[in-house]
Amino acid sequence: MADLKNVNGRVSRGAQQVKAGLQDTRDAAGHAAQHAAPGLETLARVGYASKGVVYFTVGFLALGVALGRGGRTTDTRGALSQLQDLPGGSALLFVLAVGLVGYALWQLIRAVLDPERQGTAAKGLVKRAGYLLSAGVNLTLAVFTAGLAASGSAPQGNGSETQAAGTVLNLPGGQLLLGLVGVGLLGLAGSQLYTAYGAKFMKRMRFTDVQGRVRDLLIRTGQVGIASRGVLMLIIGVFALLAAWSGQASRTVGISEALTWLRSQPSGNLLLGVVAAGTLCYGVWCAVQARYRRIRIQDAA
């Protein structure tokens, strides 16, 4: 019995030491974030602005298609390729690459240090996992952008959604995994539509010097933009579920294909035009966040 008590005591002390070590690690990371807060906050704001430029371009190009001005719908990488063709395009892309890295870092801080106090309950953990996924996606897009700026052409080895889905389907339990991705996208779409409807995003904004009609216009812009992104995520999620059910990676779609699918429906140009205008508004909203969003890196300790 005494031996058992000794073992339990050692286990308890070991658990306390592990917990203390984890807390020390988190505190150290939080203090580092506090020390670098001004620079990280600026980088995060540049990140929001960079994201805004990309989505504004996606929406602008899609709107041109809907209005019969030619061209084609595209995704974020296609939009960056279009920006490359502008005068000074390479310099612009290098700035965007830095900004996207900043946005990825901000999402990583939100996931790991939890400055917005999402907590460790199920809902909070799901949100933080989403931030972590966003960090990876935007870091990948930043690498693509830098490579495009350096070479003048799209880097090799950047697969499409179909290739990514094919990789997932080839894994053990691949259909289930791809189905979970689809369910996650539907959950994200629902969250964005709910956020847009109730303007829930306003708790993260600080419109201290904006009042009246301008403030109302900015809020409506955010609602329309986030709702349009939710619609695109809904379409992409449904097609991911169909691909998982059939085991056919070719049934997956990305932003470009989702916009094209909208155009193929009855009154397709109208549907495309509405979602394209909304995507353009989302780009504007990202720029608004660059200026007015509360970014609490200094609260990460």
Protein backbone atom coordinates (compact mmCIF):
# COMPACT_ATOMS: atom_id res chain seq x y z
CA MET A 1 0.00 0.00 0.00
CA ALA A 2 2.82 2.39 0.85
CA ASP A 3 4.46 1.59 -2.48
CA LEU A 4 1.20 2.38 -4.29
CA LYS A 5 0.95 5.70 -2.49
CA ASN A 6 4.52 6.52 -3.46
CA VAL A 7 3.81 5.69 -7.10
CA ASN A 8 0.67 7.83 -7.07
CA GLY A 9 2.63 10.65 -5.50
CA ARG A 10 5.33 10.49 -8.14
CA VAL A 11 2.73 10.38 -10.93
CA SER A 12 0.93 13.38 -9.42
CA ARG A 13 4.16 15.35 -9.10
CA GLY A 14 5.11 14.41 -12.66
CA ALA A 15 1.75 15.58 -13.98
CA GLN A 16 2.14 18.87 -12.13
CA GLN A 17 5.61 19.33 -13.58
CA VAL A 18 4.34 18.67 -17.11
CA LYS A 19 1.49 21.13 -16.60
CA ALA A 20 3.88 23.73 -15.24
CA GLY A 21 6.23 23.17 -18.17
CA LEU A 22 3.40 23.67 -20.66
CA GLN A 23 2.33 26.83 -18.87
CA ASP A 24 5.91 28.11 -18.88
CA THR A 25 6.11 27.45 -22.63
CA ARG A 26 2.86 29.28 -23.24
CA ASP A 27 3.93 32.18 -21.02
CA ALA A 28 7.24 32.45 -22.86
CA ALA A 29 5.47 32.48 -26.21
CA GLY A 30 2.99 35.02 -24.90
CA HIS A 31 5.74 37.33 -23.60
CA ALA A 32 7.54 37.03 -26.93
CA ALA A 33 4.33 37.99 -28.69
CA GLN A 34 3.90 40.95 -26.35
CA HIS A 35 7.44 42.12 -27.01
CA ALA A 36 6.93 41.91 -30.78
CA ALA A 37 3.29 43.06 -30.66
CA PRO A 38 3.61 46.37 -32.60
CA GLY A 39 5.48 44.76 -35.48
CA LEU A 40 3.24 41.69 -35.58
CA GLU A 41 0.12 43.82 -35.46
CA THR A 42 1.32 45.89 -38.40
CA LEU A 43 2.17 42.74 -40.33
CA ALA A 44 -1.28 41.31 -39.59
CA ARG A 45 -2.94 44.47 -40.87
CA VAL A 46 -0.87 44.36 -44.06
CA GLY A 47 -2.02 40.74 -44.29
CA TYR A 48 -5.69 41.70 -44.20
CA ALA A 49 -5.06 44.31 -46.88
CA SER A 50 -3.20 41.77 -49.04
CA LYS A 51 -6.02 39.27 -48.70
CA GLY A 52 -8.40 42.05 -49.70
CA VAL A 53 -6.50 42.75 -52.91
CA VAL A 54 -6.62 39.07 -53.87
CA TYR A 55 -10.36 38.62 -53.27
CA PHE A 56 -11.21 41.97 -54.84
CA THR A 57 -9.44 40.77 -57.98
CA VAL A 58 -11.31 37.44 -57.94
CA GLY A 59 -14.63 39.28 -57.65
CA PHE A 60 -13.73 41.90 -60.24
CA LEU A 61 -12.79 39.28 -62.85
CA ALA A 62 -15.91 37.21 -62.17
CA LEU A 63 -18.11 40.30 -62.39
CA GLY A 64 -16.62 41.06 -65.81
CA VAL A 65 -17.64 37.59 -66.98
CA ALA A 66 -21.17 38.04 -65.61
CA LEU A 67 -21.52 41.38 -67.42
CA GLY A 68 -20.38 39.85 -70.72
CA ARG A 69 -17.05 41.64 -70.86
CA GLY A 70 -15.11 38.47 -71.57
CA GLY A 71 -12.38 36.83 -69.57
CA ARG A 72 -12.97 33.92 -67.22
CA THR A 73 -13.63 33.20 -63.60
CA THR A 74 -10.62 32.35 -61.48
CA ASP A 75 -9.47 31.56 -57.95
CA THR A 76 -6.96 33.26 -55.67
CA ARG A 77 -3.95 31.89 -57.54
CA GLY A 78 -5.42 32.88 -60.88
CA ALA A 79 -6.07 36.37 -59.51
CA LEU A 80 -2.42 36.64 -58.45
CA SER A 81 -1.35 35.58 -61.93
CA GLN A 82 -3.49 38.39 -63.35
CA LEU A 83 -1.89 40.89 -60.99
CA GLN A 84 1.52 39.76 -62.20
CA ASP A 85 0.67 41.13 -65.65
CA LEU A 86 0.12 44.67 -64.33
CA PRO A 87 2.88 47.31 -64.54
CA GLY A 88 5.03 46.77 -61.47
CA GLY A 89 3.26 43.45 -60.95
CA SER A 90 6.28 41.65 -59.52
CA ALA A 91 6.85 44.33 -56.88
CA LEU A 92 3.16 44.22 -55.97
CA LEU A 93 3.29 40.45 -55.61
CA PHE A 94 6.30 40.62 -53.30
CA VAL A 95 4.36 43.02 -51.06
CA LEU A 96 1.34 40.71 -51.15
CA ALA A 97 3.54 37.73 -50.29
CA VAL A 98 4.86 39.51 -47.19
CA GLY A 99 1.31 40.47 -46.25
CA LEU A 100 0.02 36.92 -46.64
CA VAL A 101 2.84 35.68 -44.40
CA GLY A 102 1.74 38.27 -41.86
CA TYR A 103 -1.86 37.09 -42.08
CA ALA A 104 -0.73 33.47 -41.66
CA LEU A 105 1.25 34.45 -38.53
CA TRP A 106 -1.76 36.25 -37.10
CA GLN A 107 -3.94 33.18 -37.66
CA LEU A 108 -1.27 31.02 -36.02
CA ILE A 109 -1.21 33.34 -33.00
CA ARG A 110 -5.01 33.15 -32.78
CA ALA A 111 -4.84 29.35 -32.86
CA VAL A 112 -1.97 28.76 -30.43
CA LEU A 113 -1.92 31.70 -28.01
CA ASP A 114 -5.68 32.39 -28.13
CA PRO A 115 -5.55 36.17 -27.58
CA GLU A 116 -9.28 36.38 -28.33
CA ARG A 117 -10.05 33.93 -25.49
CA GLN A 118 -11.90 31.30 -27.51
CA GLY A 119 -11.01 28.82 -24.77
CA THR A 120 -10.64 25.06 -24.75
CA ALA A 121 -14.30 24.03 -24.93
CA ALA A 122 -15.41 22.18 -28.07
CA LYS A 123 -16.61 25.33 -29.85
CA GLY A 124 -13.43 27.23 -29.07
CA LEU A 125 -11.18 24.36 -30.15
CA VAL A 126 -13.02 24.05 -33.47
CA LYS A 127 -12.52 27.77 -34.12
CA ARG A 128 -8.85 27.58 -33.20
CA ALA A 129 -8.39 24.57 -35.48
CA GLY A 130 -9.92 26.65 -38.26
CA TYR A 131 -7.42 29.44 -37.59
CA LEU A 132 -4.60 26.91 -37.77
CA LEU A 133 -5.87 25.60 -41.11
CA SER A 134 -6.19 29.17 -42.38
CA ALA A 135 -2.57 29.81 -41.36
CA GLY A 136 -1.42 26.86 -43.47
CA VAL A 137 -3.52 27.84 -46.47
CA ASN A 138 -2.35 31.44 -46.46
CA LEU A 139 1.29 30.49 -45.92
CA THR A 140 1.04 28.19 -48.95
CA LEU A 141 -0.51 31.02 -50.94
CA ALA A 142 2.30 33.35 -49.81
CA VAL A 143 4.92 30.87 -51.08
CA PHE A 144 3.06 30.64 -54.40
CA THR A 145 2.94 34.45 -54.62
CA ALA A 146 6.64 34.86 -53.91
CA GLY A 147 7.51 32.21 -56.49
CA LEU A 148 5.27 33.88 -59.06
CA ALA A 149 6.88 37.26 -58.39
CA ALA A 150 10.39 35.83 -58.67
CA SER A 151 9.89 33.75 -61.82
CA GLY A 152 7.16 35.64 -63.64
CA SER A 153 5.16 32.43 -64.10
CA ALA A 154 3.18 30.11 -61.85
CA PRO A 155 5.49 27.82 -59.84
CA GLN A 156 5.41 24.15 -60.75
CA GLY A 157 3.98 21.54 -58.45
CA ASN A 158 0.97 23.52 -57.20
CA GLY A 159 -1.90 21.06 -57.49
CA SER A 160 -5.55 21.74 -58.11
CA GLU A 161 -8.43 20.84 -55.81
CA THR A 162 -8.92 17.67 -57.87
CA GLN A 163 -5.31 16.60 -57.28
CA ALA A 164 -5.59 17.33 -53.57
CA ALA A 165 -8.84 15.35 -53.35
CA GLY A 166 -7.22 12.50 -55.25
CA THR A 167 -4.39 12.42 -52.71
CA VAL A 168 -6.90 12.27 -49.85
CA LEU A 169 -8.93 9.52 -51.53
CA ASN A 170 -5.81 7.38 -51.90
CA LEU A 171 -5.26 7.41 -48.14
CA PRO A 172 -6.72 4.69 -45.90
CA GLY A 173 -10.28 5.75 -45.21
CA GLY A 174 -9.89 8.45 -47.87
CA GLN A 175 -13.58 8.73 -48.69
CA LEU A 176 -14.40 9.29 -45.03
CA LEU A 177 -11.64 11.89 -44.72
CA LEU A 178 -12.83 13.76 -47.80
CA GLY A 179 -16.39 13.57 -46.48
CA LEU A 180 -15.23 15.14 -43.22
CA VAL A 181 -13.60 17.93 -45.22
CA GLY A 182 -16.92 18.50 -46.96
CA VAL A 183 -18.79 18.57 -43.65
CA GLY A 184 -16.21 21.02 -42.30
CA LEU A 185 -16.73 23.30 -45.30
CA LEU A 186 -20.49 23.18 -44.83
CA GLY A 187 -20.00 24.06 -41.17
CA LEU A 188 -17.77 26.98 -42.17
CA ALA A 189 -20.36 28.12 -44.72
CA GLY A 190 -23.11 28.01 -42.11
CA SER A 191 -20.98 29.93 -39.63
CA GLN A 192 -20.21 32.62 -42.19
CA LEU A 193 -23.85 33.00 -43.24
CA TYR A 194 -24.89 33.24 -39.57
CA THR A 195 -22.13 35.78 -38.90
CA ALA A 196 -23.16 37.84 -41.92
CA TYR A 197 -26.88 37.80 -41.09
CA GLY A 198 -26.43 39.09 -37.56
CA ALA A 199 -23.33 41.22 -38.27
CA LYS A 200 -21.61 39.20 -35.53
CA PHE A 201 -18.25 40.35 -36.85
CA MET A 202 -18.79 43.77 -35.31
CA LYS A 203 -17.53 42.56 -31.92
CA ARG A 204 -14.07 42.37 -33.53
CA MET A 205 -14.23 45.86 -35.06
CA ARG A 206 -13.42 49.30 -33.65
CA PHE A 207 -15.21 52.01 -35.66
CA THR A 208 -14.25 54.79 -33.28
CA ASP A 209 -13.93 57.47 -35.96
CA VAL A 210 -16.66 56.22 -38.34
CA GLN A 211 -20.30 57.06 -37.70
CA GLY A 212 -23.63 57.41 -39.46
CA ARG A 213 -24.15 56.32 -43.04
CA VAL A 214 -20.50 55.48 -43.63
CA ARG A 215 -20.53 53.10 -40.69
CA ASP A 216 -23.75 51.50 -41.91
CA LEU A 217 -22.30 51.13 -45.40
CA LEU A 218 -19.19 49.41 -44.06
CA ILE A 219 -21.31 47.00 -42.04
CA ARG A 220 -23.46 46.15 -45.07
CA THR A 221 -20.30 45.61 -47.10
CA GLY A 222 -19.08 43.13 -44.50
CA GLN A 223 -22.43 41.34 -44.44
CA VAL A 224 -22.63 41.00 -48.22
CA GLY A 225 -18.99 40.00 -48.55
CA ILE A 226 -19.00 37.37 -45.80
CA ALA A 227 -22.34 35.96 -47.01
CA SER A 228 -20.98 35.59 -50.55
CA ARG A 229 -17.93 33.76 -49.25
CA GLY A 230 -20.29 31.54 -47.29
CA VAL A 231 -22.23 30.71 -50.47
CA LEU A 232 -19.00 29.73 -52.25
CA MET A 233 -17.93 27.55 -49.31
CA LEU A 234 -21.39 25.92 -49.36
CA ILE A 235 -21.03 25.00 -53.04
CA ILE A 236 -17.45 23.74 -52.59
CA GLY A 237 -18.51 21.70 -49.54
CA VAL A 238 -21.42 20.05 -51.34
CA PHE A 239 -19.19 19.04 -54.24
CA ALA A 240 -16.59 17.68 -51.79
CA LEU A 241 -19.29 15.47 -50.26
CA LEU A 242 -20.36 14.28 -53.71
CA ALA A 243 -16.73 13.46 -54.55
CA ALA A 244 -16.39 11.54 -51.29
CA TRP A 245 -19.62 9.61 -51.86
CA SER A 246 -18.68 8.63 -55.41
CA GLY A 247 -14.96 8.23 -54.78
CA GLN A 248 -14.29 10.52 -57.76
CA ALA A 249 -11.81 13.32 -57.10
CA SER A 250 -12.82 14.99 -60.36
CA ARG A 251 -16.12 16.05 -58.77
CA THR A 252 -14.42 18.48 -56.38
CA VAL A 253 -14.43 22.18 -57.20
CA GLY A 254 -12.59 25.30 -56.08
CA ILE A 255 -13.61 28.94 -56.16
CA SER A 256 -13.21 29.25 -59.92
CA GLU A 257 -15.27 26.14 -60.66
CA ALA A 258 -17.92 27.16 -58.12
CA LEU A 259 -18.33 30.50 -59.89
CA THR A 260 -18.50 28.74 -63.25
CA TRP A 261 -21.12 26.36 -61.88
CA LEU A 262 -23.24 29.31 -60.80
CA ARG A 263 -23.11 30.69 -64.33
CA SER A 264 -24.35 27.37 -65.75
CA GLN A 265 -27.57 27.54 -63.71
CA PRO A 266 -30.85 29.18 -64.84
CA SER A 267 -30.36 32.95 -64.69
CA GLY A 268 -26.70 32.07 -64.31
CA ASN A 269 -25.27 35.45 -65.24
CA LEU A 270 -27.44 37.07 -62.56
CA LEU A 271 -26.36 34.52 -59.94
CA LEU A 272 -22.72 34.89 -60.92
CA GLY A 273 -23.00 38.66 -60.89
CA VAL A 274 -24.48 38.71 -57.38
CA VAL A 275 -21.85 36.39 -55.89
CA ALA A 276 -19.05 38.11 -57.84
CA ALA A 277 -20.14 41.51 -56.50
CA GLY A 278 -20.28 39.96 -53.04
CA THR A 279 -16.77 38.56 -53.43
CA LEU A 280 -15.60 42.00 -54.47
CA CYS A 281 -17.25 43.36 -51.31
CA TYR A 282 -15.40 40.72 -49.30
CA GLY A 283 -12.15 42.09 -50.67
CA VAL A 284 -13.18 45.57 -49.60
CA TRP A 285 -14.15 44.23 -46.18
CA CYS A 286 -10.72 42.68 -45.72
CA ALA A 287 -9.24 46.12 -46.38
CA VAL A 288 -11.64 47.62 -43.82
CA GLN A 289 -10.41 45.05 -41.29
CA ALA A 290 -6.85 46.09 -42.03
CA ARG A 291 -7.76 49.50 -40.66
CA TYR A 292 -10.39 48.90 -38.00
CA ARG A 293 -10.11 45.32 -36.72
CA ARG A 294 -9.10 44.71 -33.12
CA ILE A 295 -5.86 42.74 -33.22
CA ARG A 296 -4.92 41.71 -29.67
CA ILE A 297 -1.51 40.17 -30.00
CA GLN A 298 -0.46 41.95 -26.83
CA ASP A 299 -3.11 40.00 -24.86
CA ALA A 300 -1.60 36.63 -25.76
CA ALA A 301 0.24 36.12 -22.45
